[in-house]
Amino acid sequence: MSPDQDSKPTSERPLANDLEIVHDSMLDGLSQLADYFGFSKVMGQLYGSLLLSAEPLSLDDMMARLGISKASVSTNIRSLEHMGMVRQVWVRGGSGRRKYYQAETDFWQIFSNFLSGRELRDLEHALSVMQENHQRISASINDLPPDQQILARLYLDRIAQMQALFRFAQLIISSVMNQVSGIDVSAVSSVELQ
């Protein structure tokens, strides 16, 4: 490596081949993971870029690295910030008008925010809808023709089964969140499941 390349900030130097392969693989994996959980692939790529960067990045840096529009970077970075996955940071010597971001690296915090926020909220909403439907059928079942009363009882039974499953999921998520809130997640990284 030439002395000139050595003096450049890490973010401006080209990556060695193995680092580039791992970098691209991580961005691809995180984009697929984001897509799996119903988020945009760009969110996964942005988080990955920040996670694998030694320095905070500006919106322009991320736009150039990923080859995506500034509007897409801006929209998706706001979503990541709202979810607690990235945070805006001050950079000494950085342009006063540019915003710089850094990835949250407390993965347990990200996971717990995700579970306690989105998942519990979705479960609560689903339970509310099921309760309303159960009440609607219960209130009108006696006014239905006999053959539809049989179908209404089937609906009530299936709704009750789903409510039990969703309440169980709520209980598991809440219990897990309460039990592991103080655990160092890195301590279990070498545990093998059988």
C-alpha atoms as a PDB file:
ATOM      1  CA  MET A   1       0.000   0.000   0.000  1.00  0.00           C
ATOM      2  CA  SER A   2       1.396   3.392  -0.900  1.00  0.00           C
ATOM      3  CA  PRO A   3       1.951   6.029   1.816  1.00  0.00           C
ATOM      4  CA  ASP A   4      -0.641   8.171   0.052  1.00  0.00           C
ATOM      5  CA  GLN A   5      -3.322   5.447   0.387  1.00  0.00           C
ATOM      6  CA  ASP A   6      -2.326   4.835   4.000  1.00  0.00           C
ATOM      7  CA  SER A   7      -3.107   8.441   4.939  1.00  0.00           C
ATOM      8  CA  LYS A   8      -6.643   8.348   3.503  1.00  0.00           C
ATOM      9  CA  PRO A   9      -9.534   7.799   5.930  1.00  0.00           C
ATOM     10  CA  THR A  10     -10.645   4.163   6.078  1.00  0.00           C
ATOM     11  CA  SER A  11     -13.948   5.021   4.366  1.00  0.00           C
ATOM     12  CA  GLU A  12     -12.145   6.367   1.266  1.00  0.00           C
ATOM     13  CA  ARG A  13      -9.733   3.450   0.711  1.00  0.00           C
ATOM     14  CA  PRO A  14     -10.790   0.502  -1.460  1.00  0.00           C
ATOM     15  CA  LEU A  15     -11.413  -2.680   0.513  1.00  0.00           C
ATOM     16  CA  ALA A  16      -9.144  -5.698   0.252  1.00  0.00           C
ATOM     17  CA  ASN A  17     -10.759  -8.518  -1.744  1.00  0.00           C
ATOM     18  CA  ASP A  18     -11.749 -10.658   1.280  1.00  0.00           C
ATOM     19  CA  LEU A  19     -13.169  -7.632   3.119  1.00  0.00           C
ATOM     20  CA  GLU A  20     -15.132  -6.600   0.038  1.00  0.00           C
ATOM     21  CA  ILE A  21     -16.599 -10.110  -0.348  1.00  0.00           C
ATOM     22  CA  VAL A  22     -17.648 -10.195   3.331  1.00  0.00           C
ATOM     23  CA  HIS A  23     -18.959  -6.612   3.164  1.00  0.00           C
ATOM     24  CA  ASP A  24     -21.125  -7.354   0.114  1.00  0.00           C
ATOM     25  CA  SER A  25     -22.314 -10.634   1.623  1.00  0.00           C
ATOM     26  CA  MET A  26     -23.324  -8.891   4.860  1.00  0.00           C
ATOM     27  CA  LEU A  27     -25.216  -6.148   2.999  1.00  0.00           C
ATOM     28  CA  ASP A  28     -27.009  -8.763   0.910  1.00  0.00           C
ATOM     29  CA  GLY A  29     -27.860 -10.835   3.988  1.00  0.00           C
ATOM     30  CA  LEU A  30     -29.148  -7.844   5.937  1.00  0.00           C
ATOM     31  CA  SER A  31     -31.234  -6.695   2.974  1.00  0.00           C
ATOM     32  CA  GLN A  32     -32.785 -10.180   2.733  1.00  0.00           C
ATOM     33  CA  LEU A  33     -33.426 -10.209   6.483  1.00  0.00           C
ATOM     34  CA  ALA A  34     -35.098  -6.793   6.305  1.00  0.00           C
ATOM     35  CA  ASP A  35     -37.281  -8.029   3.443  1.00  0.00           C
ATOM     36  CA  TYR A  36     -38.209 -11.157   5.418  1.00  0.00           C
ATOM     37  CA  PHE A  37     -39.463  -9.024   8.307  1.00  0.00           C
ATOM     38  CA  GLY A  38     -41.508  -6.817   5.977  1.00  0.00           C
ATOM     39  CA  PHE A  39     -39.146  -3.867   5.688  1.00  0.00           C
ATOM     40  CA  SER A  40     -37.453  -2.546   2.569  1.00  0.00           C
ATOM     41  CA  LYS A  41     -34.223  -4.155   1.450  1.00  0.00           C
ATOM     42  CA  VAL A  42     -32.670  -0.673   1.386  1.00  0.00           C
ATOM     43  CA  MET A  43     -33.163  -0.443   5.168  1.00  0.00           C
ATOM     44  CA  GLY A  44     -31.081  -3.585   5.589  1.00  0.00           C
ATOM     45  CA  GLN A  45     -28.379  -2.263   3.271  1.00  0.00           C
ATOM     46  CA  LEU A  46     -28.241   1.106   5.041  1.00  0.00           C
ATOM     47  CA  TYR A  47     -28.008  -0.520   8.451  1.00  0.00           C
ATOM     48  CA  GLY A  48     -25.295  -2.851   7.146  1.00  0.00           C
ATOM     49  CA  SER A  49     -23.311   0.044   5.670  1.00  0.00           C
ATOM     50  CA  LEU A  50     -23.392   1.876   8.982  1.00  0.00           C
ATOM     51  CA  LEU A  51     -22.701  -1.258  11.002  1.00  0.00           C
ATOM     52  CA  LEU A  52     -19.619  -2.102   8.930  1.00  0.00           C
ATOM     53  CA  SER A  53     -18.281   1.445   8.827  1.00  0.00           C
ATOM     54  CA  ALA A  54     -15.486   2.519  11.158  1.00  0.00           C
ATOM     55  CA  GLU A  55     -16.754   6.121  11.003  1.00  0.00           C
ATOM     56  CA  PRO A  56     -20.213   7.722  10.988  1.00  0.00           C
ATOM     57  CA  LEU A  57     -21.612   8.234   7.489  1.00  0.00           C
ATOM     58  CA  SER A  58     -23.561  11.093   5.955  1.00  0.00           C
ATOM     59  CA  LEU A  59     -26.574  10.605   3.715  1.00  0.00           C
ATOM     60  CA  ASP A  60     -24.328  11.446   0.738  1.00  0.00           C
ATOM     61  CA  ASP A  61     -21.794   8.797   1.827  1.00  0.00           C
ATOM     62  CA  MET A  62     -24.510   6.148   2.014  1.00  0.00           C
ATOM     63  CA  MET A  63     -26.009   7.259  -1.296  1.00  0.00           C
ATOM     64  CA  ALA A  64     -22.613   6.926  -3.015  1.00  0.00           C
ATOM     65  CA  ARG A  65     -21.764   3.580  -1.376  1.00  0.00           C
ATOM     66  CA  LEU A  66     -25.064   1.933  -2.228  1.00  0.00           C
ATOM     67  CA  GLY A  67     -25.859   3.676  -5.504  1.00  0.00           C
ATOM     68  CA  ILE A  68     -29.361   4.671  -4.410  1.00  0.00           C
ATOM     69  CA  SER A  69     -31.222   7.963  -4.493  1.00  0.00           C
ATOM     70  CA  LYS A  70     -30.880  10.523  -1.726  1.00  0.00           C
ATOM     71  CA  ALA A  71     -34.668  10.440  -1.216  1.00  0.00           C
ATOM     72  CA  SER A  72     -34.556   6.682  -0.615  1.00  0.00           C
ATOM     73  CA  VAL A  73     -31.615   7.016   1.764  1.00  0.00           C
ATOM     74  CA  SER A  74     -33.348   9.826   3.657  1.00  0.00           C
ATOM     75  CA  THR A  75     -36.696   8.047   3.970  1.00  0.00           C
ATOM     76  CA  ASN A  76     -35.200   4.728   5.038  1.00  0.00           C
ATOM     77  CA  ILE A  77     -32.682   6.241   7.457  1.00  0.00           C
ATOM     78  CA  ARG A  78     -35.554   8.043   9.214  1.00  0.00           C
ATOM     79  CA  SER A  79     -37.331   4.699   9.594  1.00  0.00           C
ATOM     80  CA  LEU A  80     -34.179   3.100  11.005  1.00  0.00           C
ATOM     81  CA  GLU A  81     -33.736   6.041  13.370  1.00  0.00           C
ATOM     82  CA  HIS A  82     -37.353   5.747  14.532  1.00  0.00           C
ATOM     83  CA  MET A  83     -36.806   2.030  15.214  1.00  0.00           C
ATOM     84  CA  GLY A  84     -33.706   2.804  17.283  1.00  0.00           C
ATOM     85  CA  MET A  85     -31.367   0.997  14.874  1.00  0.00           C
ATOM     86  CA  VAL A  86     -29.348   4.089  13.934  1.00  0.00           C
ATOM     87  CA  ARG A  87     -28.735   7.433  15.571  1.00  0.00           C
ATOM     88  CA  GLN A  88     -27.621  10.809  14.369  1.00  0.00           C
ATOM     89  CA  VAL A  89     -24.186  11.816  15.672  1.00  0.00           C
ATOM     90  CA  TRP A  90     -22.042  14.925  15.620  1.00  0.00           C
ATOM     91  CA  VAL A  91     -18.793  14.693  13.663  1.00  0.00           C
ATOM     92  CA  ARG A  92     -15.914  17.046  14.422  1.00  0.00           C
ATOM     93  CA  GLY A  93     -14.913  18.891  11.286  1.00  0.00           C
ATOM     94  CA  GLY A  94     -18.009  17.679   9.464  1.00  0.00           C
ATOM     95  CA  SER A  95     -20.138  20.097   7.518  1.00  0.00           C
ATOM     96  CA  GLY A  96     -22.641  21.797   9.793  1.00  0.00           C
ATOM     97  CA  ARG A  97     -25.390  21.103   7.281  1.00  0.00           C
ATOM     98  CA  ARG A  98     -24.665  17.400   6.858  1.00  0.00           C
ATOM     99  CA  LYS A  99     -26.214  14.843   9.153  1.00  0.00           C
ATOM    100  CA  TYR A 100     -24.075  11.884  10.131  1.00  0.00           C
ATOM    101  CA  TYR A 101     -25.339   8.540  11.350  1.00  0.00           C
ATOM    102  CA  GLN A 102     -24.021   5.568  13.270  1.00  0.00           C
ATOM    103  CA  ALA A 103     -25.465   2.070  13.684  1.00  0.00           C
ATOM    104  CA  GLU A 104     -26.782   0.938  17.056  1.00  0.00           C
ATOM    105  CA  THR A 105     -24.603  -2.025  17.991  1.00  0.00           C
ATOM    106  CA  ASP A 106     -26.554  -3.131  21.065  1.00  0.00           C
ATOM    107  CA  PHE A 107     -28.341  -5.895  19.196  1.00  0.00           C
ATOM    108  CA  TRP A 108     -30.362  -6.934  22.222  1.00  0.00           C
ATOM    109  CA  GLN A 109     -31.746  -3.391  22.416  1.00  0.00           C
ATOM    110  CA  ILE A 110     -32.728  -3.545  18.744  1.00  0.00           C
ATOM    111  CA  PHE A 111     -34.323  -6.970  19.197  1.00  0.00           C
ATOM    112  CA  SER A 112     -36.224  -5.938  22.322  1.00  0.00           C
ATOM    113  CA  ASN A 113     -37.424  -2.708  20.660  1.00  0.00           C
ATOM    114  CA  PHE A 114     -38.650  -4.777  17.734  1.00  0.00           C
ATOM    115  CA  LEU A 115     -40.451  -7.351  19.875  1.00  0.00           C
ATOM    116  CA  SER A 116     -41.899  -5.002  22.438  1.00  0.00           C
ATOM    117  CA  GLY A 117     -42.894  -2.454  19.842  1.00  0.00           C
ATOM    118  CA  ARG A 118     -44.074  -3.918  16.597  1.00  0.00           C
ATOM    119  CA  GLU A 119     -44.785  -7.527  17.524  1.00  0.00           C
ATOM    120  CA  LEU A 120     -46.675  -6.892  20.752  1.00  0.00           C
ATOM    121  CA  ARG A 121     -48.591  -4.042  19.117  1.00  0.00           C
ATOM    122  CA  ASP A 122     -49.576  -6.313  16.201  1.00  0.00           C
ATOM    123  CA  LEU A 123     -50.654  -9.070  18.582  1.00  0.00           C
ATOM    124  CA  GLU A 124     -52.714  -6.594  20.615  1.00  0.00           C
ATOM    125  CA  HIS A 125     -54.413  -5.313  17.452  1.00  0.00           C
ATOM    126  CA  ALA A 126     -55.193  -8.850  16.255  1.00  0.00           C
ATOM    127  CA  LEU A 127     -56.654  -9.767  19.655  1.00  0.00           C
ATOM    128  CA  SER A 128     -58.798  -6.634  19.605  1.00  0.00           C
ATOM    129  CA  VAL A 129     -60.202  -7.484  16.165  1.00  0.00           C
ATOM    130  CA  MET A 130     -60.903 -11.065  17.254  1.00  0.00           C
ATOM    131  CA  GLN A 131     -62.665  -9.849  20.413  1.00  0.00           C
ATOM    132  CA  GLU A 132     -64.881  -7.495  18.376  1.00  0.00           C
ATOM    133  CA  ASN A 133     -65.741 -10.298  15.947  1.00  0.00           C
ATOM    134  CA  HIS A 134     -66.475 -12.716  18.791  1.00  0.00           C
ATOM    135  CA  GLN A 135     -68.810 -10.171  20.407  1.00  0.00           C
ATOM    136  CA  ARG A 136     -70.557  -9.417  17.097  1.00  0.00           C
ATOM    137  CA  ILE A 137     -71.297 -13.082  16.439  1.00  0.00           C
ATOM    138  CA  SER A 138     -72.281 -13.753  20.064  1.00  0.00           C
ATOM    139  CA  ALA A 139     -74.766 -10.860  19.984  1.00  0.00           C
ATOM    140  CA  SER A 140     -76.425 -11.980  16.756  1.00  0.00           C
ATOM    141  CA  ILE A 141     -76.217 -15.782  16.880  1.00  0.00           C
ATOM    142  CA  ASN A 142     -79.790 -16.276  18.126  1.00  0.00           C
ATOM    143  CA  ASP A 143     -81.184 -14.177  15.246  1.00  0.00           C
ATOM    144  CA  LEU A 144     -79.521 -16.325  12.573  1.00  0.00           C
ATOM    145  CA  PRO A 145     -81.180 -19.199  10.706  1.00  0.00           C
ATOM    146  CA  PRO A 146     -80.406 -22.604  12.304  1.00  0.00           C
ATOM    147  CA  ASP A 147     -77.868 -23.656   9.636  1.00  0.00           C
ATOM    148  CA  GLN A 148     -75.972 -20.370  10.034  1.00  0.00           C
ATOM    149  CA  GLN A 149     -76.052 -20.710  13.834  1.00  0.00           C
ATOM    150  CA  ILE A 150     -73.991 -23.881  13.380  1.00  0.00           C
ATOM    151  CA  LEU A 151     -71.497 -21.942  11.228  1.00  0.00           C
ATOM    152  CA  ALA A 152     -71.486 -19.078  13.773  1.00  0.00           C
ATOM    153  CA  ARG A 153     -70.596 -21.542  16.573  1.00  0.00           C
ATOM    154  CA  LEU A 154     -67.748 -22.839  14.401  1.00  0.00           C
ATOM    155  CA  TYR A 155     -66.544 -19.220  13.954  1.00  0.00           C
ATOM    156  CA  LEU A 156     -66.737 -18.638  17.712  1.00  0.00           C
ATOM    157  CA  ASP A 157     -64.770 -21.829  18.388  1.00  0.00           C
ATOM    158  CA  ARG A 158     -62.044 -21.014  15.834  1.00  0.00           C
ATOM    159  CA  ILE A 159     -61.775 -17.402  17.019  1.00  0.00           C
ATOM    160  CA  ALA A 160     -61.416 -18.603  20.615  1.00  0.00           C
ATOM    161  CA  GLN A 161     -58.632 -20.994  19.551  1.00  0.00           C
ATOM    162  CA  MET A 162     -56.791 -18.197  17.745  1.00  0.00           C
ATOM    163  CA  GLN A 163     -57.232 -15.862  20.719  1.00  0.00           C
ATOM    164  CA  ALA A 164     -55.663 -18.478  22.989  1.00  0.00           C
ATOM    165  CA  LEU A 165     -52.697 -18.875  20.632  1.00  0.00           C
ATOM    166  CA  PHE A 166     -52.170 -15.107  20.320  1.00  0.00           C
ATOM    167  CA  ARG A 167     -52.434 -14.608  24.096  1.00  0.00           C
ATOM    168  CA  PHE A 168     -49.889 -17.396  24.545  1.00  0.00           C
ATOM    169  CA  ALA A 169     -47.565 -15.615  22.071  1.00  0.00           C
ATOM    170  CA  GLN A 170     -48.035 -12.386  24.039  1.00  0.00           C
ATOM    171  CA  LEU A 171     -47.164 -14.204  27.253  1.00  0.00           C
ATOM    172  CA  ILE A 172     -44.038 -15.779  25.738  1.00  0.00           C
ATOM    173  CA  ILE A 173     -42.754 -12.497  24.286  1.00  0.00           C
ATOM    174  CA  SER A 174     -43.419 -10.603  27.512  1.00  0.00           C
ATOM    175  CA  SER A 175     -41.829 -13.355  29.618  1.00  0.00           C
ATOM    176  CA  VAL A 176     -38.749 -13.550  27.426  1.00  0.00           C
ATOM    177  CA  MET A 177     -38.378  -9.766  27.520  1.00  0.00           C
ATOM    178  CA  ASN A 178     -38.624  -9.732  31.313  1.00  0.00           C
ATOM    179  CA  GLN A 179     -36.290 -12.695  31.851  1.00  0.00           C
ATOM    180  CA  VAL A 180     -33.454 -11.677  29.574  1.00  0.00           C
ATOM    181  CA  SER A 181     -33.420  -7.923  30.047  1.00  0.00           C
ATOM    182  CA  GLY A 182     -30.187  -8.082  32.065  1.00  0.00           C
ATOM    183  CA  ILE A 183     -28.419 -10.899  30.216  1.00  0.00           C
ATOM    184  CA  ASP A 184     -25.234 -10.257  28.250  1.00  0.00           C
ATOM    185  CA  VAL A 185     -26.235 -11.691  24.868  1.00  0.00           C
ATOM    186  CA  SER A 186     -22.617 -12.116  23.785  1.00  0.00           C
ATOM    187  CA  ALA A 187     -22.193 -14.647  26.607  1.00  0.00           C
ATOM    188  CA  VAL A 188     -24.510 -17.084  24.810  1.00  0.00           C
ATOM    189  CA  SER A 189     -22.952 -16.704  21.363  1.00  0.00           C
ATOM    190  CA  SER A 190     -21.101 -20.005  21.682  1.00  0.00           C
ATOM    191  CA  VAL A 191     -24.057 -22.021  23.005  1.00  0.00           C
ATOM    192  CA  GLU A 192     -25.016 -24.818  20.639  1.00  0.00           C
ATOM    193  CA  LEU A 193     -28.633 -25.939  20.413  1.00  0.00           C
ATOM    194  CA  GLN A 194     -29.306 -29.632  20.124  1.00  0.00           C
END
